[in-house]
PDB file of N, CA and C in Angstrom:
ATOM      1  N   MET A   1      16.385 -12.003 -60.620  1.00  0.00           N
ATOM      2  CA  MET A   1      17.745 -12.438 -60.857  1.00  0.00           C
ATOM      3  C   MET A   1      17.785 -13.577 -61.871  1.00  0.00           C
ATOM      4  N   GLU A   2      16.898 -14.563 -61.662  1.00  0.00           N
ATOM      5  CA  GLU A   2      16.880 -15.705 -62.567  1.00  0.00           C
ATOM      6  C   GLU A   2      16.471 -15.299 -63.982  1.00  0.00           C
ATOM      7  N   LEU A   3      15.557 -14.335 -64.059  1.00  0.00           N
ATOM      8  CA  LEU A   3      15.122 -13.860 -65.370  1.00  0.00           C
ATOM      9  C   LEU A   3      16.272 -13.175 -66.102  1.00  0.00           C
ATOM     10  N   LEU A   4      17.053 -12.403 -65.371  1.00  0.00           N
ATOM     11  CA  LEU A   4      18.202 -11.734 -65.970  1.00  0.00           C
ATOM     12  C   LEU A   4      19.219 -12.757 -66.481  1.00  0.00           C
ATOM     13  N   VAL A   5      19.474 -13.800 -65.698  1.00  0.00           N
ATOM     14  CA  VAL A   5      20.401 -14.854 -66.121  1.00  0.00           C
ATOM     15  C   VAL A   5      19.864 -15.565 -67.356  1.00  0.00           C
ATOM     16  N   ALA A   6      18.564 -15.862 -67.369  1.00  0.00           N
ATOM     17  CA  ALA A   6      17.964 -16.544 -68.519  1.00  0.00           C
ATOM     18  C   ALA A   6      18.071 -15.682 -69.780  1.00  0.00           C
ATOM     19  N   ILE A   7      17.872 -14.380 -69.634  1.00  0.00           N
ATOM     20  CA  ILE A   7      17.962 -13.489 -70.797  1.00  0.00           C
ATOM     21  C   ILE A   7      19.392 -13.435 -71.317  1.00  0.00           C
ATOM     22  N   ILE A   8      20.365 -13.306 -70.415  1.00  0.00           N
ATOM     23  CA  ILE A   8      21.771 -13.228 -70.844  1.00  0.00           C
ATOM     24  C   ILE A   8      22.208 -14.531 -71.505  1.00  0.00           C
ATOM     25  N   ILE A   9      21.900 -15.658 -70.898  1.00  0.00           N
ATOM     26  CA  ILE A   9      22.285 -16.954 -71.475  1.00  0.00           C
ATOM     27  C   ILE A   9      21.550 -17.177 -72.790  1.00  0.00           C
ATOM     28  N   GLY A  10      20.286 -16.773 -72.860  1.00  0.00           N
ATOM     29  CA  GLY A  10      19.529 -16.906 -74.097  1.00  0.00           C
ATOM     30  C   GLY A  10      20.133 -16.081 -75.227  1.00  0.00           C
ATOM     31  N   LEU A  11      20.565 -14.860 -74.895  1.00  0.00           N
ATOM     32  CA  LEU A  11      21.203 -14.022 -75.912  1.00  0.00           C
ATOM     33  C   LEU A  11      22.529 -14.617 -76.369  1.00  0.00           C
ATOM     34  N   LEU A  12      23.312 -15.149 -75.425  1.00  0.00           N
ATOM     35  CA  LEU A  12      24.579 -15.766 -75.801  1.00  0.00           C
ATOM     36  C   LEU A  12      24.365 -17.014 -76.666  1.00  0.00           C
ATOM     37  N   LEU A  13      23.375 -17.816 -76.295  1.00  0.00           N
ATOM     38  CA  LEU A  13      23.078 -18.998 -77.116  1.00  0.00           C
ATOM     39  C   LEU A  13      22.542 -18.600 -78.486  1.00  0.00           C
ATOM     40  N   GLY A  14      21.710 -17.564 -78.528  1.00  0.00           N
ATOM     41  CA  GLY A  14      21.204 -17.082 -79.805  1.00  0.00           C
ATOM     42  C   GLY A  14      22.313 -16.578 -80.703  1.00  0.00           C
ATOM     43  N   LEU A  15      23.265 -15.864 -80.112  1.00  0.00           N
ATOM     44  CA  LEU A  15      24.418 -15.390 -80.877  1.00  0.00           C
ATOM     45  C   LEU A  15      25.248 -16.570 -81.390  1.00  0.00           C
ATOM     46  N   TYR A  16      25.432 -17.579 -80.538  1.00  0.00           N
ATOM     47  CA  TYR A  16      26.192 -18.759 -80.946  1.00  0.00           C
ATOM     48  C   TYR A  16      25.514 -19.472 -82.120  1.00  0.00           C
ATOM     49  N   PHE A  17      24.202 -19.684 -82.006  1.00  0.00           N
ATOM     50  CA  PHE A  17      23.491 -20.390 -83.074  1.00  0.00           C
ATOM     51  C   PHE A  17      23.399 -19.547 -84.344  1.00  0.00           C
ATOM     52  N   HIS A  18      23.393 -18.234 -84.207  1.00  0.00           N
ATOM     53  CA  HIS A  18      23.364 -17.366 -85.375  1.00  0.00           C
ATOM     54  C   HIS A  18      24.696 -17.417 -86.131  1.00  0.00           C
ATOM     55  N   LYS A  19      25.803 -17.441 -85.400  1.00  0.00           N
ATOM     56  CA  LYS A  19      27.135 -17.471 -86.019  1.00  0.00           C
ATOM     57  C   LYS A  19      27.468 -18.851 -86.578  1.00  0.00           C
ATOM     58  N   ARG A  20      26.827 -19.882 -86.050  1.00  0.00           N
ATOM     59  CA  ARG A  20      27.112 -21.238 -86.498  1.00  0.00           C
ATOM     60  C   ARG A  20      26.559 -21.441 -87.900  1.00  0.00           C
ATOM     61  N   LYS A  21      27.304 -22.133 -88.743  1.00  0.00           N
ATOM     62  CA  LYS A  21      26.899 -22.313 -90.137  1.00  0.00           C
ATOM     63  C   LYS A  21      25.899 -23.445 -90.318  1.00  0.00           C
ATOM     64  N   ALA A  22      25.908 -24.428 -89.417  1.00  0.00           N
ATOM     65  CA  ALA A  22      24.992 -25.568 -89.536  1.00  0.00           C
ATOM     66  C   ALA A  22      23.582 -25.138 -89.135  1.00  0.00           C
ATOM     67  N   PRO A  23      22.572 -25.705 -89.777  1.00  0.00           N
ATOM     68  CA  PRO A  23      21.201 -25.351 -89.409  1.00  0.00           C
ATOM     69  C   PRO A  23      20.850 -25.869 -88.012  1.00  0.00           C
ATOM     70  N   MET A  24      19.956 -25.173 -87.368  1.00  0.00           N
ATOM     71  CA  MET A  24      19.552 -25.550 -86.020  1.00  0.00           C
ATOM     72  C   MET A  24      18.527 -26.670 -86.091  1.00  0.00           C
ATOM     73  N   THR A  25      18.754 -27.721 -85.323  1.00  0.00           N
ATOM     74  CA  THR A  25      17.836 -28.857 -85.296  1.00  0.00           C
ATOM     75  C   THR A  25      17.072 -28.852 -83.973  1.00  0.00           C
ATOM     76  N   VAL A  26      16.126 -29.756 -83.865  1.00  0.00           N
ATOM     77  CA  VAL A  26      15.350 -29.872 -82.627  1.00  0.00           C
ATOM     78  C   VAL A  26      16.260 -30.286 -81.474  1.00  0.00           C
ATOM     79  N   ASN A  27      17.216 -31.147 -81.762  1.00  0.00           N
ATOM     80  CA  ASN A  27      18.144 -31.607 -80.734  1.00  0.00           C
ATOM     81  C   ASN A  27      18.959 -30.442 -80.173  1.00  0.00           C
ATOM     82  N   THR A  28      19.475 -29.577 -81.029  1.00  0.00           N
ATOM     83  CA  THR A  28      20.253 -28.438 -80.546  1.00  0.00           C
ATOM     84  C   THR A  28      19.361 -27.422 -79.829  1.00  0.00           C
ATOM     85  N   TRP A  29      18.111 -27.324 -80.243  1.00  0.00           N
ATOM     86  CA  TRP A  29      17.161 -26.436 -79.576  1.00  0.00           C
ATOM     87  C   TRP A  29      16.948 -26.887 -78.128  1.00  0.00           C
ATOM     88  N   PHE A  30      16.730 -28.188 -77.919  1.00  0.00           N
ATOM     89  CA  PHE A  30      16.524 -28.711 -76.570  1.00  0.00           C
ATOM     90  C   PHE A  30      17.800 -28.632 -75.734  1.00  0.00           C
ATOM     91  N   LYS A  31      18.949 -28.821 -76.360  1.00  0.00           N
ATOM     92  CA  LYS A  31      20.210 -28.663 -75.626  1.00  0.00           C
ATOM     93  C   LYS A  31      20.378 -27.223 -75.162  1.00  0.00           C
ATOM     94  N   GLY A  32      20.009 -26.270 -75.991  1.00  0.00           N
ATOM     95  CA  GLY A  32      20.064 -24.867 -75.603  1.00  0.00           C
ATOM     96  C   GLY A  32      19.140 -24.551 -74.443  1.00  0.00           C
ATOM     97  N   LEU A  33      17.921 -25.096 -74.480  1.00  0.00           N
ATOM     98  CA  LEU A  33      16.987 -24.902 -73.368  1.00  0.00           C
ATOM     99  C   LEU A  33      17.514 -25.547 -72.087  1.00  0.00           C
ATOM    100  N   PHE A  34      18.141 -26.713 -72.225  1.00  0.00           N
ATOM    101  CA  PHE A  34      18.704 -27.400 -71.070  1.00  0.00           C
ATOM    102  C   PHE A  34      19.835 -26.574 -70.445  1.00  0.00           C
ATOM    103  N   VAL A  35      20.681 -25.983 -71.267  1.00  0.00           N
ATOM    104  CA  VAL A  35      21.768 -25.139 -70.759  1.00  0.00           C
ATOM    105  C   VAL A  35      21.189 -23.931 -70.020  1.00  0.00           C
ATOM    106  N   MET A  36      20.149 -23.329 -70.565  1.00  0.00           N
ATOM    107  CA  MET A  36      19.508 -22.198 -69.900  1.00  0.00           C
ATOM    108  C   MET A  36      18.928 -22.621 -68.554  1.00  0.00           C
ATOM    109  N   LEU A  37      18.288 -23.774 -68.515  1.00  0.00           N
ATOM    110  CA  LEU A  37      17.692 -24.271 -67.275  1.00  0.00           C
ATOM    111  C   LEU A  37      18.755 -24.515 -66.210  1.00  0.00           C
ATOM    112  N   ILE A  38      19.868 -25.099 -66.594  1.00  0.00           N
ATOM    113  CA  ILE A  38      20.947 -25.363 -65.639  1.00  0.00           C
ATOM    114  C   ILE A  38      21.474 -24.050 -65.051  1.00  0.00           C
ATOM    115  N   PHE A  39      21.698 -23.046 -65.892  1.00  0.00           N
ATOM    116  CA  PHE A  39      22.210 -21.773 -65.395  1.00  0.00           C
ATOM    117  C   PHE A  39      21.193 -21.064 -64.508  1.00  0.00           C
ATOM    118  N   VAL A  40      19.905 -21.184 -64.798  1.00  0.00           N
ATOM    119  CA  VAL A  40      18.883 -20.576 -63.941  1.00  0.00           C
ATOM    120  C   VAL A  40      18.849 -21.273 -62.591  1.00  0.00           C
ATOM    121  N   ILE A  41      18.987 -22.589 -62.561  1.00  0.00           N
ATOM    122  CA  ILE A  41      19.009 -23.327 -61.294  1.00  0.00           C
ATOM    123  C   ILE A  41      20.231 -22.927 -60.468  1.00  0.00           C
ATOM    124  N   ILE A  42      21.382 -22.793 -61.111  1.00  0.00           N
ATOM    125  CA  ILE A  42      22.598 -22.374 -60.408  1.00  0.00           C
ATOM    126  C   ILE A  42      22.430 -20.963 -59.848  1.00  0.00           C
ATOM    127  N   ALA A  43      21.874 -20.059 -60.638  1.00  0.00           N
ATOM    128  CA  ALA A  43      21.664 -18.684 -60.172  1.00  0.00           C
ATOM    129  C   ALA A  43      20.674 -18.640 -59.018  1.00  0.00           C
ATOM    130  N   SER A  44      19.647 -19.466 -59.077  1.00  0.00           N
ATOM    131  CA  SER A  44      18.676 -19.530 -57.997  1.00  0.00           C
ATOM    132  C   SER A  44      19.321 -20.039 -56.715  1.00  0.00           C
ATOM    133  N   GLY A  45      20.187 -21.026 -56.839  1.00  0.00           N
ATOM    134  CA  GLY A  45      20.887 -21.534 -55.667  1.00  0.00           C
ATOM    135  C   GLY A  45      21.789 -20.492 -55.039  1.00  0.00           C
ATOM    136  N   PHE A  46      22.499 -19.712 -55.875  1.00  0.00           N
ATOM    137  CA  PHE A  46      23.367 -18.662 -55.345  1.00  0.00           C
ATOM    138  C   PHE A  46      22.566 -17.549 -54.682  1.00  0.00           C
ATOM    139  N   SER A  47      21.405 -17.230 -55.218  1.00  0.00           N
ATOM    140  CA  SER A  47      20.622 -16.146 -54.629  1.00  0.00           C
ATOM    141  C   SER A  47      19.929 -16.569 -53.336  1.00  0.00           C
ATOM    142  N   HIS A  48      19.789 -17.873 -53.101  1.00  0.00           N
ATOM    143  CA  HIS A  48      19.147 -18.365 -51.879  1.00  0.00           C
ATOM    144  C   HIS A  48      20.120 -19.102 -50.965  1.00  0.00           C
ATOM    145  N   ILE A  49      21.410 -18.850 -51.106  1.00  0.00           N
ATOM    146  CA  ILE A  49      22.413 -19.586 -50.333  1.00  0.00           C
ATOM    147  C   ILE A  49      22.274 -19.308 -48.837  1.00  0.00           C
ATOM    148  N   ASP A  50      21.870 -18.092 -48.458  1.00  0.00           N
ATOM    149  CA  ASP A  50      21.701 -17.780 -47.037  1.00  0.00           C
ATOM    150  C   ASP A  50      20.557 -18.593 -46.433  1.00  0.00           C
ATOM    151  N   ASP A  51      19.467 -18.741 -47.168  1.00  0.00           N
ATOM    152  CA  ASP A  51      18.345 -19.552 -46.687  1.00  0.00           C
ATOM    153  C   ASP A  51      18.731 -21.019 -46.573  1.00  0.00           C
ATOM    154  N   ILE A  52      19.530 -21.491 -47.502  1.00  0.00           N
ATOM    155  CA  ILE A  52      19.975 -22.881 -47.473  1.00  0.00           C
ATOM    156  C   ILE A  52      20.853 -23.124 -46.245  1.00  0.00           C
ATOM    157  N   LYS A  53      21.776 -22.192 -45.960  1.00  0.00           N
ATOM    158  CA  LYS A  53      22.652 -22.326 -44.792  1.00  0.00           C
ATOM    159  C   LYS A  53      21.848 -22.263 -43.497  1.00  0.00           C
ATOM    160  N   ARG A  54      20.889 -21.331 -43.427  1.00  0.00           N
ATOM    161  CA  ARG A  54      20.073 -21.200 -42.224  1.00  0.00           C
ATOM    162  C   ARG A  54      19.246 -22.462 -41.982  1.00  0.00           C
ATOM    163  N   GLY A  55      18.693 -23.024 -43.040  1.00  0.00           N
ATOM    164  CA  GLY A  55      17.924 -24.258 -42.902  1.00  0.00           C
ATOM    165  C   GLY A  55      18.787 -25.423 -42.445  1.00  0.00           C
ATOM    166  N   ALA A  56      20.017 -25.475 -42.924  1.00  0.00           N
ATOM    167  CA  ALA A  56      20.920 -26.547 -42.501  1.00  0.00           C
ATOM    168  C   ALA A  56      21.262 -26.412 -41.022  1.00  0.00           C
ATOM    169  N   LYS A  57      21.500 -25.182 -40.548  1.00  0.00           N
ATOM    170  CA  LYS A  57      21.808 -24.971 -39.132  1.00  0.00           C
ATOM    171  C   LYS A  57      20.612 -25.322 -38.250  1.00  0.00           C
ATOM    172  N   GLU A  58      19.410 -24.884 -38.655  1.00  0.00           N
ATOM    173  CA  GLU A  58      18.220 -25.189 -37.871  1.00  0.00           C
ATOM    174  C   GLU A  58      17.929 -26.685 -37.867  1.00  0.00           C
ATOM    175  N   GLY A  59      18.164 -27.328 -38.981  1.00  0.00           N
ATOM    176  CA  GLY A  59      17.963 -28.778 -39.047  1.00  0.00           C
ATOM    177  C   GLY A  59      18.941 -29.526 -38.165  1.00  0.00           C
ATOM    178  N   ALA A  60      20.171 -29.047 -38.082  1.00  0.00           N
ATOM    179  CA  ALA A  60      21.164 -29.683 -37.215  1.00  0.00           C
ATOM    180  C   ALA A  60      20.787 -29.494 -35.756  1.00  0.00           C
ATOM    181  N   LYS A  61      20.271 -28.315 -35.398  1.00  0.00           N
ATOM    182  CA  LYS A  61      19.835 -28.084 -34.013  1.00  0.00           C
ATOM    183  C   LYS A  61      18.646 -28.967 -33.657  1.00  0.00           C
ATOM    184  N   GLU A  62      17.695 -29.082 -34.565  1.00  0.00           N
ATOM    185  CA  GLU A  62      16.524 -29.933 -34.327  1.00  0.00           C
ATOM    186  C   GLU A  62      16.932 -31.396 -34.208  1.00  0.00           C
ATOM    187  N   GLY A  63      17.882 -31.812 -35.037  1.00  0.00           N
ATOM    188  CA  GLY A  63      18.356 -33.189 -34.978  1.00  0.00           C
ATOM    189  C   GLY A  63      19.060 -33.494 -33.673  1.00  0.00           C
ATOM    190  N   ALA A  64      19.764 -32.512 -33.119  1.00  0.00           N
ATOM    191  CA  ALA A  64      20.463 -32.712 -31.853  1.00  0.00           C
ATOM    192  C   ALA A  64      19.479 -32.774 -30.688  1.00  0.00           C
ATOM    193  N   LYS A  65      18.330 -32.118 -30.812  1.00  0.00           N
ATOM    194  CA  LYS A  65      17.333 -32.109 -29.743  1.00  0.00           C
ATOM    195  C   LYS A  65      16.515 -33.395 -29.686  1.00  0.00           C
ATOM    196  N   GLU A  66      16.376 -34.080 -30.795  1.00  0.00           N
ATOM    197  CA  GLU A  66      15.551 -35.278 -30.831  1.00  0.00           C
ATOM    198  C   GLU A  66      16.175 -36.370 -29.978  1.00  0.00           C
ATOM    199  N   ILE A  67      15.314 -37.110 -29.295  1.00  0.00           N
ATOM    200  CA  ILE A  67      15.781 -38.207 -28.453  1.00  0.00           C
ATOM    201  C   ILE A  67      15.820 -39.470 -29.291  1.00  0.00           C
ATOM    202  N   ASP A  68      16.893 -40.190 -29.168  1.00  0.00           N
ATOM    203  CA  ASP A  68      17.060 -41.431 -29.915  1.00  0.00           C
ATOM    204  C   ASP A  68      16.190 -42.526 -29.293  1.00  0.00           C
ATOM    205  N   VAL A  69      15.682 -43.440 -30.087  1.00  0.00           N
ATOM    206  CA  VAL A  69      14.844 -44.540 -29.609  1.00  0.00           C
ATOM    207  C   VAL A  69      15.635 -45.414 -28.643  1.00  0.00           C
ATOM    208  N   TYR A  70      16.897 -45.591 -28.874  1.00  0.00           N
ATOM    209  CA  TYR A  70      17.729 -46.405 -27.996  1.00  0.00           C
ATOM    210  C   TYR A  70      17.819 -45.777 -26.596  1.00  0.00           C
ATOM    211  N   ASP A  71      17.904 -44.428 -26.545  1.00  0.00           N
ATOM    212  CA  ASP A  71      17.959 -43.756 -25.263  1.00  0.00           C
ATOM    213  C   ASP A  71      16.664 -43.941 -24.477  1.00  0.00           C
ATOM    214  N   ILE A  72      15.536 -43.932 -25.132  1.00  0.00           N
ATOM    215  CA  ILE A  72      14.242 -44.131 -24.486  1.00  0.00           C
ATOM    216  C   ILE A  72      14.166 -45.540 -23.902  1.00  0.00           C
ATOM    217  N   ALA A  73      14.649 -46.527 -24.641  1.00  0.00           N
ATOM    218  CA  ALA A  73      14.602 -47.910 -24.184  1.00  0.00           C
ATOM    219  C   ALA A  73      15.497 -48.118 -22.957  1.00  0.00           C
ATOM    220  N   THR A  74      16.646 -47.479 -22.928  1.00  0.00           N
ATOM    221  CA  THR A  74      17.555 -47.665 -21.789  1.00  0.00           C
ATOM    222  C   THR A  74      17.069 -46.905 -20.562  1.00  0.00           C
ATOM    223  N   GLU A  75      16.319 -45.824 -20.723  1.00  0.00           N
ATOM    224  CA  GLU A  75      15.798 -45.073 -19.572  1.00  0.00           C
ATOM    225  C   GLU A  75      14.678 -45.820 -18.874  1.00  0.00           C
ATOM    226  N   SER A  76      13.953 -46.664 -19.580  1.00  0.00           N
ATOM    227  CA  SER A  76      12.811 -47.364 -18.983  1.00  0.00           C
ATOM    228  C   SER A  76      13.241 -48.524 -18.112  1.00  0.00           C
ATOM    229  N   LYS A  77      14.499 -48.942 -18.129  1.00  0.00           N
ATOM    230  CA  LYS A  77      14.966 -50.078 -17.318  1.00  0.00           C
ATOM    231  C   LYS A  77      15.173 -49.678 -15.896  1.00  0.00           C
TER     232      LYS A  77
END
């Protein structure tokens, strides 16, 4: 999925830079790579959203099971 997004964004950026009349500089090259990286990260997050939600639910359950230090101190009295 991420590879497909990178290819599509790369083609769109290539088309943009091809149509642009100004020459491509190193700065614009790195900006293009940065845009591709951002879109790949977003696509990766969308493709793993179920795992992220499941981890959040399991973490909340584990957090609710843990005993607070204050509770331990009050039980020993």
